[in-house]
Structures are given as structure tokens and as C-alpha cells.
Amino acid sequence: MTFELKAYGPMDGRTVVITGATNGIGYEAARALSAAGAEVVLVSRSAERTAAAAELISALAGMPAHAAVADFSELAQVRAVAAELLERFPRIDVLANNAGAIYPARQVTTDGFEMTWQVDYLAPFLLTNLLEPALTAASPSRVISVSSDAHQGAWRGLEFDDLNGERSWSSFGAYSAAKLANIMFAAELARRWATLGVTSNSMHPGLVRTGFGRSGDWNERSLWTLTSLWSLTPEQGAETLVYLASSPKVEGVSGEYFYKRSPKRPSGPARDVGAQQRLWRETATVLGLETAQEHTADSSS
């Protein structure tokens, strides 16, 4: 049976920003939400691919789709694209933090952070906080963090004294830690921004048949080849993302981790409120986001 991805409610008049939107679940979500009437903004690192994807979605849906470019391995580009988005779109109804990557070898960004940690966690944390004025202006609005059940690989929790993986690093270990951080961030954001009318949820898309994982080490490439035989299509993987962006059933729902359009209990470390608060504080400090300590409904900052 052919699966057809559709929004779960009308999106007319709403602006949706999706990162990592040139292919995979990000592209499919953008396409479905645009078809439901949303004005979608695709954010990715390639100007050529982002423009092409936006043009194709516009042609398919008959709605304007926009391109914005930022390489998350450079935080200056994240700050620049946030400023651009605030100027172009003073109201943002949905922000989907979907961009992510896994790397075969340890790399350090020009900002001094381990690459996976920055691209998968620090950059979306920064982008979300910088876009707070537009998200608040569109209240009630939604922030969606695409995580993964791979977060369970970080079963001991985050190594706060080695987040850059200087003492111990592996490709999957770094990815697991970043995905754990995504869930913790989403939960803490839900508390801190509750008074702003912004909901925050994270999600696991399932095992999706995309190019993701083919750049990992030999073990990860082999696992990707094997599991791709029975994994989901990008359309199927995007279903929960589209659901969280468009369904009236999740209006007001915040701080949850979703899989197959239903809340799912994440790992113990992911639910550790003290660790969530510590992660937020330390992240805000290293990114120079002192104002991110504000708007707190129920936290210890």
C-alpha cells in the first residue's frame, strides 16, 4: 500500500521553518505542510540545493516556499540566518529543528566544539533561542526537535566534563549524546517558555531510508546498508514531524517525546530534570546567551 503524507490540519497563514530540509524527512515534511497551505522556509547549508528544493515545493503545492542558507558547523552562520529570518518572517508558527549529521571521525569546528555536538545540538539550541521573538509573536507556536531512539546509546547520561569528546569519542557515541541532548533541551524549553505560549516537543522518526548514516564509520555504513532493507521511506519517517506541526490534537501539548504520533517514554537520563537544567545553563553560557536564562516558568536558573 502506498503511503501518502498529508498534514493533520489546515496550515493556511502559518509560517513553518524547517532545518535540514533539502532531502529526507525535512523535505517531505516541508512538502506536505506546504500542500496544506503553510508558507515554508527551508534552511540548509547548500544554497543551490536549498533553492532547488524550495522551487520544487512551490511548484508542487502552489504556495511560496523560501530558501535560507546556514552551515551549522559555523555558529556565525546560525546567527546570521536567524537575523535574516527575523527580518523576513516576524511571525514563525512552527520551528522544526531537523538538521543533523553523524561523522566517521572526530572533528573540531572553527568555534572550538566537537562537530556532532555543535551541528546536532548547539546550533539548534542557538537558532531556537535567537528566533524566540518571532515564535512568541506567533503564539501559540510550536518547536519540534528531531531526536532519535539512538539517544538510549548514551545510557549513562551526558558526560558534562567531556561534552567535546576530548577524552573519549566514537561516532555513534557522539551522535547518541547529541540526540539525548535534543530531548533534554526540548523538555527544558517546554518549561522555560511555557508562559510565552510556545510548546516544545521532541520526536523519534523511526529508522528512515535516507542517505543518513552512510558517512559514518565502517560499522555504521554496514548497519545502514543492512537496515535500509526494511526501514521507513522518508515520507513515513516525516509523519510524526508533520503531525506535531499541524495536528490540533497536540495544541498545548509540551515537553513530550513522540514516536508514531504518540508520546513515548525516553530513557532515564533524558528525563533527569536536574541534568536538563544544568545542560541548558551550561549551553547558554558557552554560547553567550545570557538572556536564554530568562522566561523561566519552573527552573532553577
C-alpha atoms as a PDB file:
ATOM      1  CA  MET A   1       0.000   0.000   0.000  1.00  0.00           C
ATOM      2  CA  THR A   2       1.336   3.404  -0.988  1.00  0.00           C
ATOM      3  CA  PHE A   3       1.749   5.855   1.874  1.00  0.00           C
ATOM      4  CA  GLU A   4       0.687   9.449   1.218  1.00  0.00           C
ATOM      5  CA  LEU A   5       1.940  12.034   3.676  1.00  0.00           C
ATOM      6  CA  LYS A   6      -0.584  14.748   4.491  1.00  0.00           C
ATOM      7  CA  ALA A   7      -0.922  17.410   7.165  1.00  0.00           C
ATOM      8  CA  TYR A   8      -3.303  16.722  10.053  1.00  0.00           C
ATOM      9  CA  GLY A   9      -4.969  20.097   9.903  1.00  0.00           C
ATOM     10  CA  PRO A  10      -5.076  23.236   7.757  1.00  0.00           C
ATOM     11  CA  MET A  11      -1.904  25.332   7.789  1.00  0.00           C
ATOM     12  CA  ASP A  12      -3.184  28.398   5.939  1.00  0.00           C
ATOM     13  CA  GLY A  13      -1.494  31.597   7.052  1.00  0.00           C
ATOM     14  CA  ARG A  14       1.188  29.813   9.072  1.00  0.00           C
ATOM     15  CA  THR A  15       4.929  30.127   8.623  1.00  0.00           C
ATOM     16  CA  VAL A  16       6.962  26.963   9.137  1.00  0.00           C
ATOM     17  CA  VAL A  17      10.771  26.916   9.329  1.00  0.00           C
ATOM     18  CA  ILE A  18      12.419  23.523   8.792  1.00  0.00           C
ATOM     19  CA  THR A  19      16.155  22.930   9.007  1.00  0.00           C
ATOM     20  CA  GLY A  20      17.843  20.170   7.030  1.00  0.00           C
ATOM     21  CA  ALA A  21      15.031  20.435   4.512  1.00  0.00           C
ATOM     22  CA  THR A  22      16.628  19.674   1.144  1.00  0.00           C
ATOM     23  CA  ASN A  23      16.038  15.917   1.379  1.00  0.00           C
ATOM     24  CA  GLY A  24      14.813  13.141   3.637  1.00  0.00           C
ATOM     25  CA  ILE A  25      12.145  13.754   6.246  1.00  0.00           C
ATOM     26  CA  GLY A  26      12.766  17.503   6.299  1.00  0.00           C
ATOM     27  CA  TYR A  27      11.936  17.856   2.617  1.00  0.00           C
ATOM     28  CA  GLU A  28       8.901  15.568   2.824  1.00  0.00           C
ATOM     29  CA  ALA A  29       7.551  17.450   5.838  1.00  0.00           C
ATOM     30  CA  ALA A  30       8.030  20.773   4.066  1.00  0.00           C
ATOM     31  CA  ARG A  31       6.221  19.468   1.006  1.00  0.00           C
ATOM     32  CA  ALA A  32       3.252  18.140   2.990  1.00  0.00           C
ATOM     33  CA  LEU A  33       2.882  21.263   5.122  1.00  0.00           C
ATOM     34  CA  SER A  34       3.146  23.498   2.074  1.00  0.00           C
ATOM     35  CA  ALA A  35       0.391  21.484   0.387  1.00  0.00           C
ATOM     36  CA  ALA A  36      -1.768  22.209   3.460  1.00  0.00           C
ATOM     37  CA  GLY A  37      -1.317  25.947   2.997  1.00  0.00           C
ATOM     38  CA  ALA A  38       1.788  26.751   5.049  1.00  0.00           C
ATOM     39  CA  GLU A  39       4.441  29.187   3.931  1.00  0.00           C
ATOM     40  CA  VAL A  40       7.512  27.024   4.415  1.00  0.00           C
ATOM     41  CA  VAL A  41      11.089  28.179   4.873  1.00  0.00           C
ATOM     42  CA  LEU A  42      13.780  25.643   4.082  1.00  0.00           C
ATOM     43  CA  VAL A  43      17.098  26.062   5.894  1.00  0.00           C
ATOM     44  CA  SER A  44      20.132  24.097   4.752  1.00  0.00           C
ATOM     45  CA  ARG A  45      23.840  24.550   4.114  1.00  0.00           C
ATOM     46  CA  SER A  46      23.820  24.374   0.305  1.00  0.00           C
ATOM     47  CA  ALA A  47      22.460  27.461  -1.411  1.00  0.00           C
ATOM     48  CA  GLU A  48      21.961  25.586  -4.680  1.00  0.00           C
ATOM     49  CA  ARG A  49      20.148  22.582  -3.185  1.00  0.00           C
ATOM     50  CA  THR A  50      18.040  24.710  -0.853  1.00  0.00           C
ATOM     51  CA  ALA A  51      16.894  26.986  -3.667  1.00  0.00           C
ATOM     52  CA  ALA A  52      16.099  23.992  -5.875  1.00  0.00           C
ATOM     53  CA  ALA A  53      14.071  22.293  -3.137  1.00  0.00           C
ATOM     54  CA  ALA A  54      12.130  25.483  -2.392  1.00  0.00           C
ATOM     55  CA  GLU A  55      11.394  25.973  -6.091  1.00  0.00           C
ATOM     56  CA  LEU A  56      10.157  22.401  -6.472  1.00  0.00           C
ATOM     57  CA  ILE A  57       7.909  22.614  -3.403  1.00  0.00           C
ATOM     58  CA  SER A  58       6.466  25.906  -4.652  1.00  0.00           C
ATOM     59  CA  ALA A  59       5.672  24.302  -7.986  1.00  0.00           C
ATOM     60  CA  LEU A  60       4.092  21.224  -6.408  1.00  0.00           C
ATOM     61  CA  ALA A  61       1.994  22.967  -3.786  1.00  0.00           C
ATOM     62  CA  GLY A  62       1.277  26.296  -5.397  1.00  0.00           C
ATOM     63  CA  MET A  63       2.389  28.030  -2.205  1.00  0.00           C
ATOM     64  CA  PRO A  64       5.509  30.175  -1.832  1.00  0.00           C
ATOM     65  CA  ALA A  65       8.435  28.291  -0.342  1.00  0.00           C
ATOM     66  CA  HIS A  66      11.569  30.127   0.703  1.00  0.00           C
ATOM     67  CA  ALA A  67      15.243  29.247   0.981  1.00  0.00           C
ATOM     68  CA  ALA A  68      17.640  30.317   3.725  1.00  0.00           C
ATOM     69  CA  VAL A  69      21.233  29.152   3.945  1.00  0.00           C
ATOM     70  CA  ALA A  70      23.313  28.280   7.005  1.00  0.00           C
ATOM     71  CA  ASP A  71      26.048  25.756   7.685  1.00  0.00           C
ATOM     72  CA  PHE A  72      25.556  24.645  11.274  1.00  0.00           C
ATOM     73  CA  SER A  73      29.252  23.866  11.618  1.00  0.00           C
ATOM     74  CA  GLU A  74      29.765  27.646  11.847  1.00  0.00           C
ATOM     75  CA  LEU A  75      27.796  29.373  14.582  1.00  0.00           C
ATOM     76  CA  ALA A  76      28.280  32.740  12.911  1.00  0.00           C
ATOM     77  CA  GLN A  77      26.152  31.413  10.046  1.00  0.00           C
ATOM     78  CA  VAL A  78      23.477  30.300  12.512  1.00  0.00           C
ATOM     79  CA  ARG A  79      23.374  33.795  13.984  1.00  0.00           C
ATOM     80  CA  ALA A  80      23.258  35.328  10.507  1.00  0.00           C
ATOM     81  CA  VAL A  81      20.398  33.139   9.287  1.00  0.00           C
ATOM     82  CA  ALA A  82      18.457  33.820  12.497  1.00  0.00           C
ATOM     83  CA  ALA A  83      18.778  37.563  11.890  1.00  0.00           C
ATOM     84  CA  GLU A  84      17.669  37.056   8.283  1.00  0.00           C
ATOM     85  CA  LEU A  85      14.647  35.001   9.313  1.00  0.00           C
ATOM     86  CA  LEU A  86      13.579  37.529  11.940  1.00  0.00           C
ATOM     87  CA  GLU A  87      13.689  40.275   9.348  1.00  0.00           C
ATOM     88  CA  ARG A  88      11.830  38.307   6.670  1.00  0.00           C
ATOM     89  CA  PHE A  89       9.363  36.462   8.916  1.00  0.00           C
ATOM     90  CA  PRO A  90       8.431  38.382  12.087  1.00  0.00           C
ATOM     91  CA  ARG A  91       5.992  35.587  12.982  1.00  0.00           C
ATOM     92  CA  ILE A  92       7.063  31.930  12.947  1.00  0.00           C
ATOM     93  CA  ASP A  93       4.357  29.425  13.847  1.00  0.00           C
ATOM     94  CA  VAL A  94       6.471  26.270  13.709  1.00  0.00           C
ATOM     95  CA  LEU A  95      10.214  25.726  14.008  1.00  0.00           C
ATOM     96  CA  ALA A  96      11.325  22.183  13.190  1.00  0.00           C
ATOM     97  CA  ASN A  97      14.910  21.527  14.257  1.00  0.00           C
ATOM     98  CA  ASN A  98      15.516  18.625  11.902  1.00  0.00           C
ATOM     99  CA  ALA A  99      19.101  19.093  10.677  1.00  0.00           C
ATOM    100  CA  GLY A 100      21.584  16.559  11.969  1.00  0.00           C
ATOM    101  CA  ALA A 101      24.600  14.516  10.992  1.00  0.00           C
ATOM    102  CA  ILE A 102      26.890  11.715  12.083  1.00  0.00           C
ATOM    103  CA  TYR A 103      30.604  11.781  11.310  1.00  0.00           C
ATOM    104  CA  PRO A 104      33.141   8.952  10.797  1.00  0.00           C
ATOM    105  CA  ALA A 105      35.969  10.766  12.589  1.00  0.00           C
ATOM    106  CA  ARG A 106      36.223  13.309  15.357  1.00  0.00           C
ATOM    107  CA  GLN A 107      36.354  16.877  14.078  1.00  0.00           C
ATOM    108  CA  VAL A 108      36.500  20.223  15.830  1.00  0.00           C
ATOM    109  CA  THR A 109      34.626  23.197  14.389  1.00  0.00           C
ATOM    110  CA  THR A 110      36.071  26.674  13.934  1.00  0.00           C
ATOM    111  CA  ASP A 111      34.070  27.568  17.057  1.00  0.00           C
ATOM    112  CA  GLY A 112      36.038  25.002  19.057  1.00  0.00           C
ATOM    113  CA  PHE A 113      33.326  22.378  19.572  1.00  0.00           C
ATOM    114  CA  GLU A 114      33.159  18.734  18.572  1.00  0.00           C
ATOM    115  CA  MET A 115      31.376  18.655  15.206  1.00  0.00           C
ATOM    116  CA  THR A 116      28.465  16.336  16.071  1.00  0.00           C
ATOM    117  CA  TRP A 117      27.758  18.211  19.300  1.00  0.00           C
ATOM    118  CA  GLN A 118      27.671  21.549  17.503  1.00  0.00           C
ATOM    119  CA  VAL A 119      25.715  20.585  14.378  1.00  0.00           C
ATOM    120  CA  ASP A 120      23.172  18.335  16.085  1.00  0.00           C
ATOM    121  CA  TYR A 121      22.705  20.185  19.376  1.00  0.00           C
ATOM    122  CA  LEU A 122      24.404  23.550  19.877  1.00  0.00           C
ATOM    123  CA  ALA A 123      23.282  25.035  16.557  1.00  0.00           C
ATOM    124  CA  PRO A 124      19.561  24.230  17.005  1.00  0.00           C
ATOM    125  CA  PHE A 125      19.722  25.457  20.617  1.00  0.00           C
ATOM    126  CA  LEU A 126      21.179  28.738  19.371  1.00  0.00           C
ATOM    127  CA  LEU A 127      18.767  29.091  16.455  1.00  0.00           C
ATOM    128  CA  THR A 128      15.722  28.415  18.619  1.00  0.00           C
ATOM    129  CA  ASN A 129      16.683  30.983  21.223  1.00  0.00           C
ATOM    130  CA  LEU A 130      17.503  33.617  18.617  1.00  0.00           C
ATOM    131  CA  LEU A 131      14.117  33.080  16.936  1.00  0.00           C
ATOM    132  CA  GLU A 132      12.224  33.498  20.222  1.00  0.00           C
ATOM    133  CA  PRO A 133      10.766  36.922  19.251  1.00  0.00           C
ATOM    134  CA  ALA A 134       9.139  35.505  16.095  1.00  0.00           C
ATOM    135  CA  LEU A 135       7.923  32.366  17.853  1.00  0.00           C
ATOM    136  CA  THR A 136       6.433  34.427  20.664  1.00  0.00           C
ATOM    137  CA  ALA A 137       4.792  36.804  18.183  1.00  0.00           C
ATOM    138  CA  ALA A 138       3.018  33.826  16.582  1.00  0.00           C
ATOM    139  CA  SER A 139       1.851  32.349  19.897  1.00  0.00           C
ATOM    140  CA  PRO A 140       0.524  29.719  20.165  1.00  0.00           C
ATOM    141  CA  SER A 141       3.519  28.363  18.263  1.00  0.00           C
ATOM    142  CA  ARG A 142       5.450  25.106  18.216  1.00  0.00           C
ATOM    143  CA  VAL A 143       9.084  23.993  18.377  1.00  0.00           C
ATOM    144  CA  ILE A 144       9.860  20.444  17.275  1.00  0.00           C
ATOM    145  CA  SER A 145      13.227  18.815  17.940  1.00  0.00           C
ATOM    146  CA  VAL A 146      14.007  15.762  15.830  1.00  0.00           C
ATOM    147  CA  SER A 147      15.874  13.342  18.064  1.00  0.00           C
ATOM    148  CA  SER A 148      16.231   9.563  17.844  1.00  0.00           C
ATOM    149  CA  ASP A 149      15.953   6.422  19.911  1.00  0.00           C
ATOM    150  CA  ALA A 150      19.720   6.352  19.402  1.00  0.00           C
ATOM    151  CA  HIS A 151      19.730   8.595  22.493  1.00  0.00           C
ATOM    152  CA  GLN A 152      19.465   5.388  24.507  1.00  0.00           C
ATOM    153  CA  GLY A 153      23.046   4.650  23.500  1.00  0.00           C
ATOM    154  CA  ALA A 154      24.071   7.351  25.981  1.00  0.00           C
ATOM    155  CA  TRP A 155      22.671   5.233  28.793  1.00  0.00           C
ATOM    156  CA  ARG A 156      24.937   6.764  31.425  1.00  0.00           C
ATOM    157  CA  GLY A 157      23.731  10.248  30.586  1.00  0.00           C
ATOM    158  CA  LEU A 158      25.787  13.153  29.349  1.00  0.00           C
ATOM    159  CA  GLU A 159      29.440  13.375  30.306  1.00  0.00           C
ATOM    160  CA  PHE A 160      29.310  17.024  31.336  1.00  0.00           C
ATOM    161  CA  ASP A 161      33.063  17.190  31.846  1.00  0.00           C
ATOM    162  CA  ASP A 162      33.746  15.821  28.346  1.00  0.00           C
ATOM    163  CA  LEU A 163      30.991  17.079  26.027  1.00  0.00           C
ATOM    164  CA  ASN A 164      33.588  17.755  23.334  1.00  0.00           C
ATOM    165  CA  GLY A 165      34.739  14.149  23.395  1.00  0.00           C
ATOM    166  CA  GLU A 166      38.350  15.010  24.091  1.00  0.00           C
ATOM    167  CA  ARG A 167      38.981  12.034  26.367  1.00  0.00           C
ATOM    168  CA  SER A 168      36.660   9.510  24.773  1.00  0.00           C
ATOM    169  CA  TRP A 169      34.972   9.661  21.373  1.00  0.00           C
ATOM    170  CA  SER A 170      33.169   7.378  18.951  1.00  0.00           C
ATOM    171  CA  SER A 171      30.955   8.205  16.015  1.00  0.00           C
ATOM    172  CA  PHE A 172      27.828   6.597  17.459  1.00  0.00           C
ATOM    173  CA  GLY A 173      28.646   7.744  20.995  1.00  0.00           C
ATOM    174  CA  ALA A 174      28.806  11.376  19.893  1.00  0.00           C
ATOM    175  CA  TYR A 175      25.568  11.021  17.956  1.00  0.00           C
ATOM    176  CA  SER A 176      23.792   9.339  20.875  1.00  0.00           C
ATOM    177  CA  ALA A 177      24.859  12.116  23.244  1.00  0.00           C
ATOM    178  CA  ALA A 178      23.636  14.814  20.870  1.00  0.00           C
ATOM    179  CA  LYS A 179      20.270  13.083  20.403  1.00  0.00           C
ATOM    180  CA  LEU A 180      19.947  12.759  24.181  1.00  0.00           C
ATOM    181  CA  ALA A 181      20.686  16.472  24.473  1.00  0.00           C
ATOM    182  CA  ASN A 182      17.939  17.229  21.921  1.00  0.00           C
ATOM    183  CA  ILE A 183      15.329  15.570  24.146  1.00  0.00           C
ATOM    184  CA  MET A 184      16.637  17.266  27.275  1.00  0.00           C
ATOM    185  CA  PHE A 185      16.649  20.639  25.529  1.00  0.00           C
ATOM    186  CA  ALA A 186      13.085  20.182  24.285  1.00  0.00           C
ATOM    187  CA  ALA A 187      11.856  19.316  27.770  1.00  0.00           C
ATOM    188  CA  GLU A 188      13.602  22.252  29.412  1.00  0.00           C
ATOM    189  CA  LEU A 189      12.431  24.611  26.669  1.00  0.00           C
ATOM    190  CA  ALA A 190       8.866  23.494  27.364  1.00  0.00           C
ATOM    191  CA  ARG A 191       9.227  24.618  30.980  1.00  0.00           C
ATOM    192  CA  ARG A 192      11.106  27.832  30.328  1.00  0.00           C
ATOM    193  CA  TRP A 193       8.844  29.087  27.560  1.00  0.00           C
ATOM    194  CA  ALA A 194       5.517  27.877  28.948  1.00  0.00           C
ATOM    195  CA  THR A 195       4.471  31.427  29.766  1.00  0.00           C
ATOM    196  CA  LEU A 196       5.260  32.559  26.204  1.00  0.00           C
ATOM    197  CA  GLY A 197       2.687  30.325  24.538  1.00  0.00           C
ATOM    198  CA  VAL A 198       5.336  28.225  22.787  1.00  0.00           C
ATOM    199  CA  THR A 199       5.148  24.442  23.008  1.00  0.00           C
ATOM    200  CA  SER A 200       8.205  22.240  22.667  1.00  0.00           C
ATOM    201  CA  ASN A 201       8.308  18.542  21.883  1.00  0.00           C
ATOM    202  CA  SER A 202      10.921  16.112  20.611  1.00  0.00           C
ATOM    203  CA  MET A 203      10.448  13.043  18.444  1.00  0.00           C
ATOM    204  CA  HIS A 204      11.910   9.862  17.023  1.00  0.00           C
ATOM    205  CA  PRO A 205      11.190   9.494  13.287  1.00  0.00           C
ATOM    206  CA  GLY A 206      11.958   5.771  13.219  1.00  0.00           C
ATOM    207  CA  LEU A 207      14.574   4.094  11.080  1.00  0.00           C
ATOM    208  CA  VAL A 208      14.336   6.002   7.811  1.00  0.00           C
ATOM    209  CA  ARG A 209      15.714   5.015   4.413  1.00  0.00           C
ATOM    210  CA  THR A 210      17.771   8.097   3.539  1.00  0.00           C
ATOM    211  CA  GLY A 211      21.447   8.792   2.976  1.00  0.00           C
ATOM    212  CA  PHE A 212      21.855   9.484   6.678  1.00  0.00           C
ATOM    213  CA  GLY A 213      24.493   7.237   8.228  1.00  0.00           C
ATOM    214  CA  ARG A 214      26.400   6.495   5.035  1.00  0.00           C
ATOM    215  CA  SER A 215      29.116   8.916   6.105  1.00  0.00           C
ATOM    216  CA  GLY A 216      29.707   7.066   9.384  1.00  0.00           C
ATOM    217  CA  ASP A 217      32.453   4.568  10.101  1.00  0.00           C
ATOM    218  CA  TRP A 218      32.565   1.073   8.548  1.00  0.00           C
ATOM    219  CA  ASN A 219      30.284  -0.444  11.181  1.00  0.00           C
ATOM    220  CA  GLU A 220      27.684   2.298  10.768  1.00  0.00           C
ATOM    221  CA  ARG A 221      27.787   2.125   6.962  1.00  0.00           C
ATOM    222  CA  SER A 222      27.320  -1.636   7.117  1.00  0.00           C
ATOM    223  CA  LEU A 223      24.443  -1.283   9.582  1.00  0.00           C
ATOM    224  CA  TRP A 224      22.819   1.367   7.370  1.00  0.00           C
ATOM    225  CA  THR A 225      23.072  -0.925   4.327  1.00  0.00           C
ATOM    226  CA  LEU A 226      21.500  -3.824   6.212  1.00  0.00           C
ATOM    227  CA  THR A 227      18.702  -1.944   7.949  1.00  0.00           C
ATOM    228  CA  SER A 228      17.786   0.090   4.869  1.00  0.00           C
ATOM    229  CA  LEU A 229      16.215  -3.075   3.505  1.00  0.00           C
ATOM    230  CA  TRP A 230      13.287  -2.796   5.950  1.00  0.00           C
ATOM    231  CA  SER A 231      13.408   0.840   7.058  1.00  0.00           C
ATOM    232  CA  LEU A 232      10.781   3.527   6.505  1.00  0.00           C
ATOM    233  CA  THR A 233      10.547   5.759   3.486  1.00  0.00           C
ATOM    234  CA  PRO A 234      11.283   9.460   4.097  1.00  0.00           C
ATOM    235  CA  GLU A 235       7.545  10.160   3.777  1.00  0.00           C
ATOM    236  CA  GLN A 236       6.746   7.636   6.501  1.00  0.00           C
ATOM    237  CA  GLY A 237       9.551   8.965   8.684  1.00  0.00           C
ATOM    238  CA  ALA A 238       8.206  12.500   8.362  1.00  0.00           C
ATOM    239  CA  GLU A 239       4.732  11.554   9.591  1.00  0.00           C
ATOM    240  CA  THR A 240       5.300  12.370  13.271  1.00  0.00           C
ATOM    241  CA  LEU A 241       7.024  15.633  12.391  1.00  0.00           C
ATOM    242  CA  VAL A 242       4.068  16.695  10.242  1.00  0.00           C
ATOM    243  CA  TYR A 243       1.675  15.560  12.971  1.00  0.00           C
ATOM    244  CA  LEU A 244       3.402  17.680  15.621  1.00  0.00           C
ATOM    245  CA  ALA A 245       3.463  20.673  13.284  1.00  0.00           C
ATOM    246  CA  SER A 246      -0.154  20.517  12.150  1.00  0.00           C
ATOM    247  CA  SER A 247      -2.452  18.453  14.346  1.00  0.00           C
ATOM    248  CA  PRO A 248      -4.995  20.228  16.565  1.00  0.00           C
ATOM    249  CA  LYS A 249      -4.699  17.249  18.922  1.00  0.00           C
ATOM    250  CA  VAL A 250      -1.281  18.401  20.160  1.00  0.00           C
ATOM    251  CA  GLU A 251      -2.228  22.029  20.655  1.00  0.00           C
ATOM    252  CA  GLY A 252      -0.970  22.935  24.113  1.00  0.00           C
ATOM    253  CA  VAL A 253       0.925  19.643  24.490  1.00  0.00           C
ATOM    254  CA  SER A 254       4.505  20.327  25.531  1.00  0.00           C
ATOM    255  CA  GLY A 255       7.564  18.585  26.941  1.00  0.00           C
ATOM    256  CA  GLU A 256       6.825  15.174  25.400  1.00  0.00           C
ATOM    257  CA  TYR A 257       8.879  12.759  23.308  1.00  0.00           C
ATOM    258  CA  PHE A 258       6.869  11.354  20.386  1.00  0.00           C
ATOM    259  CA  TYR A 259       7.097   8.272  18.183  1.00  0.00           C
ATOM    260  CA  LYS A 260       4.431   7.210  15.679  1.00  0.00           C
ATOM    261  CA  ARG A 261       2.326  10.248  16.629  1.00  0.00           C
ATOM    262  CA  SER A 262       2.131   9.185  20.282  1.00  0.00           C
ATOM    263  CA  PRO A 263       4.081  10.149  23.404  1.00  0.00           C
ATOM    264  CA  LYS A 264       6.834   7.688  24.256  1.00  0.00           C
ATOM    265  CA  ARG A 265       8.870   7.409  27.431  1.00  0.00           C
ATOM    266  CA  PRO A 266      12.517   8.281  26.676  1.00  0.00           C
ATOM    267  CA  SER A 267      15.485   6.998  28.644  1.00  0.00           C
ATOM    268  CA  GLY A 268      16.031   7.769  32.326  1.00  0.00           C
ATOM    269  CA  PRO A 269      18.862  10.238  31.640  1.00  0.00           C
ATOM    270  CA  ALA A 270      16.622  12.058  29.157  1.00  0.00           C
ATOM    271  CA  ARG A 271      14.030  12.596  31.919  1.00  0.00           C
ATOM    272  CA  ASP A 272      16.509  13.878  34.524  1.00  0.00           C
ATOM    273  CA  VAL A 273      15.224  17.379  35.282  1.00  0.00           C
ATOM    274  CA  GLY A 274      18.375  18.413  37.120  1.00  0.00           C
ATOM    275  CA  ALA A 275      20.506  17.381  34.154  1.00  0.00           C
ATOM    276  CA  GLN A 276      18.155  19.179  31.755  1.00  0.00           C
ATOM    277  CA  GLN A 277      18.521  22.395  33.732  1.00  0.00           C
ATOM    278  CA  ARG A 278      22.291  22.013  34.002  1.00  0.00           C
ATOM    279  CA  LEU A 279      22.597  21.379  30.276  1.00  0.00           C
ATOM    280  CA  TRP A 280      20.574  24.493  29.475  1.00  0.00           C
ATOM    281  CA  ARG A 281      22.625  26.690  31.798  1.00  0.00           C
ATOM    282  CA  GLU A 282      25.965  25.438  30.526  1.00  0.00           C
ATOM    283  CA  THR A 283      24.891  25.651  26.893  1.00  0.00           C
ATOM    284  CA  ALA A 284      23.598  29.204  27.303  1.00  0.00           C
ATOM    285  CA  THR A 285      26.912  30.148  28.919  1.00  0.00           C
ATOM    286  CA  VAL A 286      29.187  28.720  26.220  1.00  0.00           C
ATOM    287  CA  LEU A 287      27.034  30.318  23.503  1.00  0.00           C
ATOM    288  CA  GLY A 288      26.903  33.688  25.242  1.00  0.00           C
ATOM    289  CA  LEU A 289      23.120  33.588  25.566  1.00  0.00           C
ATOM    290  CA  GLU A 290      22.602  35.100  28.982  1.00  0.00           C
ATOM    291  CA  THR A 291      19.044  36.117  28.054  1.00  0.00           C
ATOM    292  CA  ALA A 292      18.260  32.426  27.495  1.00  0.00           C
ATOM    293  CA  GLN A 293      18.160  32.156  31.283  1.00  0.00           C
ATOM    294  CA  GLU A 294      15.000  34.275  31.314  1.00  0.00           C
ATOM    295  CA  HIS A 295      11.328  33.412  30.685  1.00  0.00           C
ATOM    296  CA  THR A 296      11.601  30.620  33.224  1.00  0.00           C
ATOM    297  CA  ALA A 297       8.301  29.180  34.419  1.00  0.00           C
ATOM    298  CA  ASP A 298       9.760  26.387  36.533  1.00  0.00           C
ATOM    299  CA  SER A 299      13.530  26.008  36.578  1.00  0.00           C
ATOM    300  CA  SER A 300      16.372  26.603  38.941  1.00  0.00           C
ATOM    301  CA  SER A 301      18.443  29.060  36.938  1.00  0.00           C
END
